[in-house]
N, C-alpha and C. Protein backbone atom coordinates (compact mmCIF):
# COMPACT_ATOMS: atom_id res chain seq x y z
N MET A 1 6.72 28.30 -0.96
CA MET A 1 6.17 26.99 -1.25
C MET A 1 7.14 25.94 -0.78
N GLY A 2 6.64 24.87 -0.26
CA GLY A 2 7.47 23.77 0.22
C GLY A 2 7.90 22.89 -0.93
N SER A 3 8.61 21.83 -0.60
CA SER A 3 9.03 20.90 -1.62
C SER A 3 8.58 19.50 -1.23
N LEU A 4 8.27 18.71 -2.25
CA LEU A 4 7.81 17.34 -2.05
C LEU A 4 8.87 16.39 -2.58
N HIS A 5 9.09 15.30 -1.86
CA HIS A 5 10.06 14.29 -2.27
C HIS A 5 9.44 12.93 -2.08
N LEU A 6 9.49 12.07 -3.10
CA LEU A 6 8.99 10.72 -3.00
C LEU A 6 10.19 9.80 -2.92
N ASP A 7 10.33 9.11 -1.80
CA ASP A 7 11.47 8.25 -1.56
C ASP A 7 11.03 6.79 -1.51
N ALA A 8 11.97 5.91 -1.79
CA ALA A 8 11.72 4.48 -1.63
C ALA A 8 11.60 4.18 -0.14
N PRO A 9 10.84 3.14 0.21
CA PRO A 9 10.69 2.81 1.63
C PRO A 9 12.01 2.39 2.25
N GLN A 10 12.22 2.78 3.49
CA GLN A 10 13.43 2.42 4.21
C GLN A 10 13.16 1.34 5.26
N ASP A 11 11.89 1.07 5.53
CA ASP A 11 11.56 0.17 6.62
C ASP A 11 11.02 -1.17 6.15
N GLY A 12 11.07 -1.45 4.85
CA GLY A 12 10.59 -2.72 4.34
C GLY A 12 9.08 -2.84 4.32
N SER A 13 8.36 -1.74 4.52
CA SER A 13 6.89 -1.79 4.61
C SER A 13 6.23 -1.84 3.25
N GLY A 14 6.96 -1.58 2.19
CA GLY A 14 6.34 -1.53 0.87
C GLY A 14 5.56 -0.25 0.66
N ALA A 15 5.84 0.77 1.43
CA ALA A 15 5.11 2.04 1.32
C ALA A 15 6.01 3.11 0.74
N ASP A 16 5.43 3.98 -0.05
CA ASP A 16 6.16 5.16 -0.52
C ASP A 16 6.13 6.19 0.60
N VAL A 17 7.25 6.81 0.86
CA VAL A 17 7.32 7.84 1.88
C VAL A 17 7.40 9.18 1.19
N VAL A 18 6.45 10.03 1.49
CA VAL A 18 6.42 11.38 0.93
C VAL A 18 6.88 12.33 2.01
N ARG A 19 7.93 13.08 1.72
CA ARG A 19 8.40 14.08 2.68
C ARG A 19 7.97 15.44 2.21
N TYR A 20 7.37 16.20 3.10
CA TYR A 20 6.96 17.57 2.79
C TYR A 20 7.81 18.50 3.63
N ALA A 21 8.60 19.31 2.99
CA ALA A 21 9.43 20.27 3.71
C ALA A 21 9.01 21.66 3.28
N ARG A 22 8.75 22.51 4.25
CA ARG A 22 8.30 23.87 3.96
C ARG A 22 9.12 24.83 4.80
N PRO A 23 9.72 25.84 4.17
CA PRO A 23 10.43 26.83 4.96
C PRO A 23 9.43 27.64 5.78
N VAL A 24 9.77 27.92 7.01
CA VAL A 24 8.91 28.74 7.86
C VAL A 24 9.59 30.08 8.08
N MET A 25 9.00 30.95 8.87
CA MET A 25 9.51 32.30 9.05
C MET A 25 10.93 32.33 9.62
N ARG A 26 11.30 31.31 10.33
CA ARG A 26 12.65 31.21 10.87
C ARG A 26 13.48 30.35 9.93
N PRO A 27 14.80 30.33 10.05
CA PRO A 27 15.59 29.46 9.17
C PRO A 27 15.50 28.00 9.62
N VAL A 28 14.30 27.48 9.61
CA VAL A 28 14.04 26.11 10.04
C VAL A 28 13.17 25.46 8.98
N TRP A 29 13.37 24.21 8.73
CA TRP A 29 12.53 23.47 7.79
C TRP A 29 11.65 22.53 8.59
N LEU A 30 10.38 22.53 8.26
CA LEU A 30 9.44 21.62 8.89
C LEU A 30 9.35 20.38 8.02
N LEU A 31 9.40 19.23 8.65
CA LEU A 31 9.33 17.99 7.90
C LEU A 31 8.16 17.16 8.41
N ALA A 32 7.24 16.87 7.54
CA ALA A 32 6.11 16.00 7.90
C ALA A 32 6.25 14.72 7.09
N LEU A 33 6.16 13.61 7.74
CA LEU A 33 6.24 12.34 7.03
C LEU A 33 4.83 11.87 6.70
N LEU A 34 4.63 11.59 5.45
CA LEU A 34 3.35 11.10 4.98
C LEU A 34 3.62 9.80 4.23
N VAL A 35 2.82 8.81 4.46
CA VAL A 35 3.05 7.52 3.84
C VAL A 35 1.83 7.13 3.02
N ALA A 36 2.07 6.76 1.79
CA ALA A 36 0.99 6.27 0.93
C ALA A 36 1.26 4.80 0.64
N CYS A 37 0.36 3.94 1.03
CA CYS A 37 0.57 2.51 0.86
C CYS A 37 0.56 2.12 -0.61
N ARG A 38 1.51 1.28 -1.01
CA ARG A 38 1.53 0.74 -2.36
C ARG A 38 0.50 -0.37 -2.45
N GLY A 39 0.11 -0.67 -3.66
CA GLY A 39 -0.79 -1.78 -3.87
C GLY A 39 -2.26 -1.39 -3.76
N GLN A 40 -2.55 -0.20 -3.32
CA GLN A 40 -3.93 0.26 -3.25
C GLN A 40 -4.27 0.88 -4.60
N PRO A 41 -5.50 0.71 -5.07
CA PRO A 41 -5.86 1.28 -6.37
C PRO A 41 -5.91 2.80 -6.31
N THR A 42 -5.07 3.44 -7.08
CA THR A 42 -5.08 4.90 -7.12
C THR A 42 -5.10 5.35 -8.56
N ALA A 43 -5.83 6.41 -8.80
CA ALA A 43 -5.84 7.00 -10.14
C ALA A 43 -4.51 7.68 -10.38
N PRO A 44 -4.04 7.76 -11.63
CA PRO A 44 -2.77 8.44 -11.91
C PRO A 44 -2.79 9.86 -11.37
N GLY A 45 -1.74 10.24 -10.68
CA GLY A 45 -1.63 11.59 -10.15
C GLY A 45 -2.41 11.81 -8.87
N ASN A 46 -3.04 10.76 -8.35
CA ASN A 46 -3.83 10.91 -7.13
C ASN A 46 -3.11 10.28 -5.95
N GLY A 47 -1.80 10.42 -5.89
CA GLY A 47 -1.05 9.92 -4.76
C GLY A 47 -1.01 10.96 -3.65
N ALA A 48 -0.40 10.58 -2.54
CA ALA A 48 -0.31 11.48 -1.40
C ALA A 48 0.41 12.77 -1.77
N GLY A 49 1.43 12.69 -2.61
CA GLY A 49 2.17 13.89 -3.00
C GLY A 49 1.30 14.91 -3.71
N ALA A 50 0.44 14.44 -4.62
CA ALA A 50 -0.45 15.35 -5.35
C ALA A 50 -1.47 15.98 -4.41
N ILE A 51 -1.94 15.21 -3.45
CA ILE A 51 -2.93 15.71 -2.49
C ILE A 51 -2.30 16.75 -1.57
N VAL A 52 -1.10 16.47 -1.08
CA VAL A 52 -0.40 17.44 -0.22
C VAL A 52 -0.13 18.72 -1.01
N ALA A 53 0.33 18.57 -2.25
CA ALA A 53 0.61 19.75 -3.08
C ALA A 53 -0.65 20.60 -3.26
N LYS A 54 -1.78 19.95 -3.50
CA LYS A 54 -3.03 20.70 -3.67
C LYS A 54 -3.40 21.41 -2.39
N LEU A 55 -3.27 20.74 -1.25
CA LEU A 55 -3.64 21.35 0.03
C LEU A 55 -2.77 22.57 0.32
N THR A 56 -1.51 22.54 -0.07
CA THR A 56 -0.62 23.68 0.18
C THR A 56 -0.97 24.90 -0.66
N GLU A 57 -1.83 24.74 -1.66
CA GLU A 57 -2.26 25.89 -2.46
C GLU A 57 -3.17 26.83 -1.66
N HIS A 58 -3.72 26.36 -0.58
CA HIS A 58 -4.62 27.16 0.26
C HIS A 58 -3.89 27.50 1.56
N ALA A 59 -3.94 28.74 1.97
CA ALA A 59 -3.20 29.18 3.17
C ALA A 59 -3.57 28.37 4.41
N GLU A 60 -4.86 28.10 4.60
CA GLU A 60 -5.27 27.33 5.78
C GLU A 60 -4.74 25.89 5.70
N GLY A 61 -4.73 25.32 4.51
CA GLY A 61 -4.22 23.96 4.34
C GLY A 61 -2.73 23.89 4.63
N ALA A 62 -1.99 24.85 4.11
CA ALA A 62 -0.55 24.89 4.36
C ALA A 62 -0.26 25.08 5.85
N ALA A 63 -1.04 25.93 6.50
CA ALA A 63 -0.85 26.16 7.94
C ALA A 63 -1.12 24.89 8.74
N LEU A 64 -2.14 24.13 8.36
CA LEU A 64 -2.42 22.87 9.06
C LEU A 64 -1.29 21.87 8.87
N LEU A 65 -0.75 21.79 7.67
CA LEU A 65 0.38 20.88 7.44
C LEU A 65 1.56 21.25 8.33
N GLU A 66 1.78 22.53 8.52
CA GLU A 66 2.89 22.97 9.37
C GLU A 66 2.66 22.61 10.83
N ARG A 67 1.41 22.64 11.27
CA ARG A 67 1.09 22.41 12.68
C ARG A 67 0.82 20.95 13.01
N ALA A 68 0.49 20.15 12.02
CA ALA A 68 0.08 18.76 12.27
C ALA A 68 1.27 17.92 12.75
N PRO A 69 0.98 16.99 13.65
CA PRO A 69 2.04 16.05 14.06
C PRO A 69 2.37 15.12 12.90
N ALA A 70 3.52 14.48 12.97
CA ALA A 70 3.88 13.50 11.95
C ALA A 70 2.79 12.44 11.89
N HIS A 71 2.43 12.03 10.69
CA HIS A 71 1.35 11.07 10.52
C HIS A 71 1.52 10.33 9.21
N ARG A 72 0.80 9.24 9.09
CA ARG A 72 0.80 8.45 7.85
C ARG A 72 -0.46 8.77 7.07
N VAL A 73 -0.38 8.69 5.75
CA VAL A 73 -1.54 8.81 4.88
C VAL A 73 -1.63 7.53 4.09
N VAL A 74 -2.77 6.85 4.19
CA VAL A 74 -2.99 5.62 3.44
C VAL A 74 -4.28 5.75 2.65
N PHE A 75 -4.40 4.94 1.61
CA PHE A 75 -5.62 4.92 0.81
C PHE A 75 -6.44 3.72 1.26
N ALA A 76 -7.72 3.97 1.50
CA ALA A 76 -8.62 2.96 2.04
C ALA A 76 -10.00 3.16 1.42
N PRO A 77 -10.92 2.22 1.63
CA PRO A 77 -12.26 2.37 1.07
C PRO A 77 -13.05 3.55 1.66
N GLU A 78 -12.68 3.98 2.86
CA GLU A 78 -13.41 5.05 3.54
C GLU A 78 -12.43 6.03 4.18
N ALA A 79 -12.70 7.32 4.07
CA ALA A 79 -11.83 8.33 4.66
C ALA A 79 -12.07 8.41 6.17
N GLY A 80 -11.03 8.79 6.90
CA GLY A 80 -11.15 8.97 8.34
C GLY A 80 -9.80 8.94 9.01
N LEU A 81 -9.83 8.94 10.33
CA LEU A 81 -8.62 8.84 11.14
C LEU A 81 -8.65 7.53 11.91
N THR A 82 -7.52 6.86 11.97
CA THR A 82 -7.44 5.66 12.80
C THR A 82 -7.10 6.10 14.22
N PRO A 83 -7.26 5.22 15.20
CA PRO A 83 -6.91 5.57 16.58
C PRO A 83 -5.43 5.97 16.74
N THR A 84 -4.56 5.49 15.84
CA THR A 84 -3.14 5.83 15.94
C THR A 84 -2.78 7.11 15.19
N GLY A 85 -3.76 7.76 14.57
CA GLY A 85 -3.49 9.02 13.87
C GLY A 85 -3.17 8.87 12.40
N THR A 86 -3.33 7.67 11.85
CA THR A 86 -3.15 7.50 10.41
C THR A 86 -4.34 8.12 9.69
N VAL A 87 -4.06 8.90 8.67
CA VAL A 87 -5.11 9.53 7.86
C VAL A 87 -5.45 8.58 6.72
N ARG A 88 -6.72 8.23 6.61
CA ARG A 88 -7.19 7.38 5.51
C ARG A 88 -7.93 8.26 4.51
N LEU A 89 -7.54 8.14 3.24
CA LEU A 89 -8.21 8.85 2.15
C LEU A 89 -8.70 7.83 1.14
N VAL A 90 -9.73 8.18 0.40
CA VAL A 90 -10.29 7.29 -0.62
C VAL A 90 -9.46 7.41 -1.89
N ALA A 91 -9.02 6.27 -2.41
CA ALA A 91 -8.08 6.26 -3.53
C ALA A 91 -8.66 6.83 -4.82
N ASP A 92 -9.92 6.58 -5.11
CA ASP A 92 -10.44 6.98 -6.41
C ASP A 92 -11.14 8.34 -6.41
N GLU A 93 -10.96 9.11 -5.36
CA GLU A 93 -11.50 10.47 -5.30
C GLU A 93 -10.59 11.41 -6.09
N PRO A 94 -11.13 12.45 -6.70
CA PRO A 94 -10.27 13.44 -7.36
C PRO A 94 -9.33 14.12 -6.35
N VAL A 95 -8.20 14.57 -6.83
CA VAL A 95 -7.19 15.18 -5.97
C VAL A 95 -7.77 16.35 -5.16
N ALA A 96 -8.55 17.22 -5.80
CA ALA A 96 -9.06 18.40 -5.11
C ALA A 96 -9.98 18.03 -3.95
N SER A 97 -10.90 17.08 -4.16
CA SER A 97 -11.78 16.69 -3.05
C SER A 97 -11.02 15.92 -1.98
N SER A 98 -10.02 15.13 -2.38
CA SER A 98 -9.18 14.44 -1.39
C SER A 98 -8.39 15.44 -0.55
N ALA A 99 -7.89 16.50 -1.19
CA ALA A 99 -7.15 17.52 -0.46
C ALA A 99 -8.04 18.23 0.55
N ALA A 100 -9.29 18.50 0.16
CA ALA A 100 -10.23 19.15 1.08
C ALA A 100 -10.53 18.23 2.27
N ARG A 101 -10.74 16.94 2.00
CA ARG A 101 -11.00 16.00 3.10
C ARG A 101 -9.76 15.84 3.97
N TYR A 102 -8.59 15.82 3.35
CA TYR A 102 -7.33 15.74 4.09
C TYR A 102 -7.21 16.93 5.04
N GLY A 103 -7.56 18.12 4.57
CA GLY A 103 -7.55 19.29 5.43
C GLY A 103 -8.48 19.13 6.62
N HIS A 104 -9.67 18.58 6.37
CA HIS A 104 -10.64 18.30 7.44
C HIS A 104 -10.02 17.38 8.49
N LEU A 105 -9.39 16.31 8.02
CA LEU A 105 -8.81 15.33 8.95
C LEU A 105 -7.59 15.90 9.68
N LEU A 106 -6.79 16.71 8.98
CA LEU A 106 -5.68 17.38 9.66
C LEU A 106 -6.19 18.33 10.74
N HIS A 107 -7.31 18.99 10.47
CA HIS A 107 -7.93 19.87 11.46
C HIS A 107 -8.19 19.10 12.76
N HIS A 108 -8.68 17.86 12.62
CA HIS A 108 -8.91 17.04 13.81
C HIS A 108 -7.59 16.67 14.50
N LEU A 109 -6.54 16.39 13.73
CA LEU A 109 -5.25 16.06 14.35
C LEU A 109 -4.70 17.26 15.13
N VAL A 110 -4.91 18.46 14.61
CA VAL A 110 -4.36 19.67 15.23
C VAL A 110 -5.26 20.18 16.36
N HIS A 111 -6.57 20.19 16.15
CA HIS A 111 -7.49 20.83 17.09
C HIS A 111 -8.29 19.86 17.96
N GLY A 112 -8.11 18.59 17.75
CA GLY A 112 -8.79 17.59 18.57
C GLY A 112 -9.79 16.77 17.79
N ARG A 113 -9.75 15.50 18.03
CA ARG A 113 -10.72 14.59 17.40
C ARG A 113 -12.05 14.72 18.09
N PRO A 114 -13.10 14.39 17.40
CA PRO A 114 -14.43 14.54 18.01
C PRO A 114 -14.59 13.82 19.35
N PHE A 115 -14.00 12.65 19.51
CA PHE A 115 -14.16 11.92 20.78
C PHE A 115 -12.88 11.88 21.59
N ASP A 116 -11.86 12.58 21.19
CA ASP A 116 -10.61 12.62 21.96
C ASP A 116 -10.67 13.69 23.03
N ASP A 117 -9.84 13.56 24.02
CA ASP A 117 -9.68 14.57 25.06
C ASP A 117 -10.98 14.86 25.81
N VAL A 118 -11.84 13.90 25.91
CA VAL A 118 -13.09 14.07 26.64
C VAL A 118 -13.01 13.18 27.87
N ALA A 119 -12.77 13.80 29.02
CA ALA A 119 -12.60 13.04 30.25
C ALA A 119 -13.93 12.48 30.75
N ASP A 120 -14.99 13.21 30.56
CA ASP A 120 -16.30 12.81 31.06
C ASP A 120 -16.92 11.80 30.11
N GLY A 121 -17.44 10.71 30.63
CA GLY A 121 -18.06 9.69 29.80
C GLY A 121 -19.50 10.00 29.45
N ASP A 122 -20.02 11.13 29.87
CA ASP A 122 -21.40 11.53 29.60
C ASP A 122 -21.61 11.65 28.09
N CYS A 123 -22.54 10.87 27.56
CA CYS A 123 -22.78 10.84 26.11
C CYS A 123 -23.18 12.22 25.58
N ALA A 124 -24.04 12.93 26.30
CA ALA A 124 -24.48 14.25 25.82
C ALA A 124 -23.31 15.21 25.69
N LYS A 125 -22.39 15.20 26.64
CA LYS A 125 -21.21 16.08 26.57
C LYS A 125 -20.30 15.65 25.42
N ARG A 126 -20.14 14.35 25.24
CA ARG A 126 -19.29 13.86 24.16
C ARG A 126 -19.88 14.25 22.80
N LEU A 127 -21.20 14.17 22.67
CA LEU A 127 -21.84 14.54 21.41
C LEU A 127 -21.74 16.05 21.16
N GLU A 128 -21.83 16.85 22.19
CA GLU A 128 -21.68 18.30 22.02
C GLU A 128 -20.25 18.64 21.56
N THR A 129 -19.28 17.96 22.16
CA THR A 129 -17.88 18.15 21.73
C THR A 129 -17.72 17.71 20.28
N ALA A 130 -18.29 16.55 19.94
CA ALA A 130 -18.20 16.05 18.57
C ALA A 130 -18.84 17.03 17.59
N ARG A 131 -20.01 17.55 17.94
CA ARG A 131 -20.71 18.50 17.07
C ARG A 131 -19.85 19.74 16.85
N ARG A 132 -19.29 20.29 17.92
CA ARG A 132 -18.48 21.52 17.82
C ARG A 132 -17.23 21.28 16.95
N ARG A 133 -16.55 20.16 17.19
CA ARG A 133 -15.32 19.88 16.44
C ARG A 133 -15.62 19.54 14.98
N GLU A 134 -16.68 18.79 14.74
CA GLU A 134 -17.05 18.47 13.36
C GLU A 134 -17.50 19.72 12.61
N LYS A 135 -18.25 20.58 13.28
CA LYS A 135 -18.71 21.81 12.63
C LYS A 135 -17.52 22.64 12.17
N SER A 136 -16.51 22.74 13.01
CA SER A 136 -15.32 23.51 12.67
C SER A 136 -14.55 22.86 11.52
N ALA A 137 -14.36 21.53 11.58
CA ALA A 137 -13.63 20.82 10.53
C ALA A 137 -14.40 20.85 9.21
N LEU A 138 -15.72 20.71 9.28
CA LEU A 138 -16.52 20.76 8.06
C LEU A 138 -16.52 22.16 7.45
N ALA A 139 -16.51 23.19 8.28
CA ALA A 139 -16.44 24.55 7.75
C ALA A 139 -15.14 24.74 6.97
N LEU A 140 -14.04 24.22 7.52
CA LEU A 140 -12.77 24.28 6.80
C LEU A 140 -12.86 23.50 5.49
N GLU A 141 -13.41 22.29 5.55
CA GLU A 141 -13.53 21.48 4.34
C GLU A 141 -14.36 22.20 3.28
N HIS A 142 -15.43 22.87 3.70
CA HIS A 142 -16.26 23.63 2.76
C HIS A 142 -15.45 24.76 2.12
N ARG A 143 -14.65 25.47 2.92
CA ARG A 143 -13.82 26.56 2.36
C ARG A 143 -12.80 26.00 1.37
N LEU A 144 -12.18 24.87 1.72
CA LEU A 144 -11.20 24.26 0.82
C LEU A 144 -11.87 23.80 -0.47
N ARG A 145 -13.01 23.14 -0.36
CA ARG A 145 -13.73 22.67 -1.55
C ARG A 145 -14.09 23.84 -2.46
N ALA A 146 -14.57 24.93 -1.88
CA ALA A 146 -14.92 26.10 -2.68
C ALA A 146 -13.68 26.66 -3.37
N SER A 147 -12.59 26.75 -2.64
CA SER A 147 -11.34 27.28 -3.20
C SER A 147 -10.81 26.40 -4.33
N PHE A 148 -10.99 25.07 -4.21
CA PHE A 148 -10.49 24.14 -5.21
C PHE A 148 -11.49 23.88 -6.34
N GLY A 149 -12.66 24.54 -6.28
CA GLY A 149 -13.66 24.37 -7.33
C GLY A 149 -14.41 23.05 -7.26
N VAL A 150 -14.55 22.51 -6.05
CA VAL A 150 -15.25 21.24 -5.85
C VAL A 150 -16.64 21.52 -5.28
N ALA A 151 -17.62 20.75 -5.71
CA ALA A 151 -18.99 20.92 -5.22
C ALA A 151 -19.03 20.79 -3.69
N PRO A 152 -19.88 21.56 -3.05
CA PRO A 152 -19.97 21.50 -1.58
C PRO A 152 -20.55 20.17 -1.11
N LEU A 153 -20.27 19.85 0.14
CA LEU A 153 -20.87 18.68 0.76
C LEU A 153 -22.35 18.98 0.99
N PRO A 154 -23.17 17.94 1.13
CA PRO A 154 -24.59 18.19 1.41
C PRO A 154 -24.78 18.89 2.75
N ASP A 155 -25.87 19.62 2.87
CA ASP A 155 -26.18 20.32 4.12
C ASP A 155 -26.35 19.36 5.28
N THR A 156 -26.58 18.10 5.00
CA THR A 156 -26.80 17.11 6.05
C THR A 156 -25.50 16.47 6.56
N ALA A 157 -24.35 16.91 6.06
CA ALA A 157 -23.08 16.28 6.42
C ALA A 157 -22.81 16.32 7.93
N LEU A 158 -23.07 17.45 8.57
CA LEU A 158 -22.81 17.55 10.01
C LEU A 158 -23.70 16.59 10.79
N GLU A 159 -24.98 16.60 10.50
CA GLU A 159 -25.89 15.72 11.25
C GLU A 159 -25.58 14.25 11.01
N ALA A 160 -25.18 13.91 9.80
CA ALA A 160 -24.83 12.52 9.50
C ALA A 160 -23.64 12.07 10.36
N ARG A 161 -22.64 12.94 10.49
CA ARG A 161 -21.47 12.59 11.30
C ARG A 161 -21.83 12.53 12.78
N VAL A 162 -22.62 13.48 13.26
CA VAL A 162 -23.02 13.48 14.66
C VAL A 162 -23.84 12.22 14.97
N ASN A 163 -24.71 11.82 14.05
CA ASN A 163 -25.48 10.59 14.25
C ASN A 163 -24.57 9.37 14.32
N ALA A 164 -23.53 9.36 13.51
CA ALA A 164 -22.57 8.24 13.59
C ALA A 164 -21.88 8.23 14.95
N TYR A 165 -21.52 9.40 15.47
CA TYR A 165 -20.90 9.46 16.81
C TYR A 165 -21.92 9.07 17.88
N ARG A 166 -23.17 9.44 17.68
CA ARG A 166 -24.23 9.06 18.64
C ARG A 166 -24.31 7.54 18.74
N ASN A 167 -24.22 6.86 17.58
CA ASN A 167 -24.26 5.40 17.59
C ASN A 167 -23.03 4.81 18.28
N ARG A 168 -21.88 5.44 18.14
CA ARG A 168 -20.67 4.96 18.82
C ARG A 168 -20.73 5.23 20.32
N CYS A 169 -21.47 6.25 20.70
CA CYS A 169 -21.54 6.65 22.09
C CYS A 169 -22.41 5.71 22.92
N ARG A 170 -23.33 5.03 22.28
CA ARG A 170 -24.26 4.15 22.99
C ARG A 170 -23.60 2.91 23.49
């Protein structure tokens, strides 16, 4: 199991910096920097540290944390990834569902965003890529939710996301 450390901000940003260090098979420590913005409404115990800790309880979640590039985690009204790779999570969600969504978003950081790495501007190809990547990330999120005892997402989750990408593609 890795260790979590909550440090005071060093850059004057007013953000708490959460460091996640996990020993790997070699005598090397992996360090991922996660940032949770202060001033956002969060339920007690629902900070980035609690979410990371929950995600590490699942082997796939821990593996994604090890593989993910350094990134920031902020609390916002809507979950998602920003163009710069900042992970946005909803502040008032329970820790377990936030951890499952965090795993979904880390999956995109590690395996490709739905609209990233697509050289061809053809909308149909972009939507097929989005569908394939979302299907994979949602499957992981479903496994995490089941493991954490959280109700599954609706069966329409994939189509809802693909429709949102369809609207962006136009």
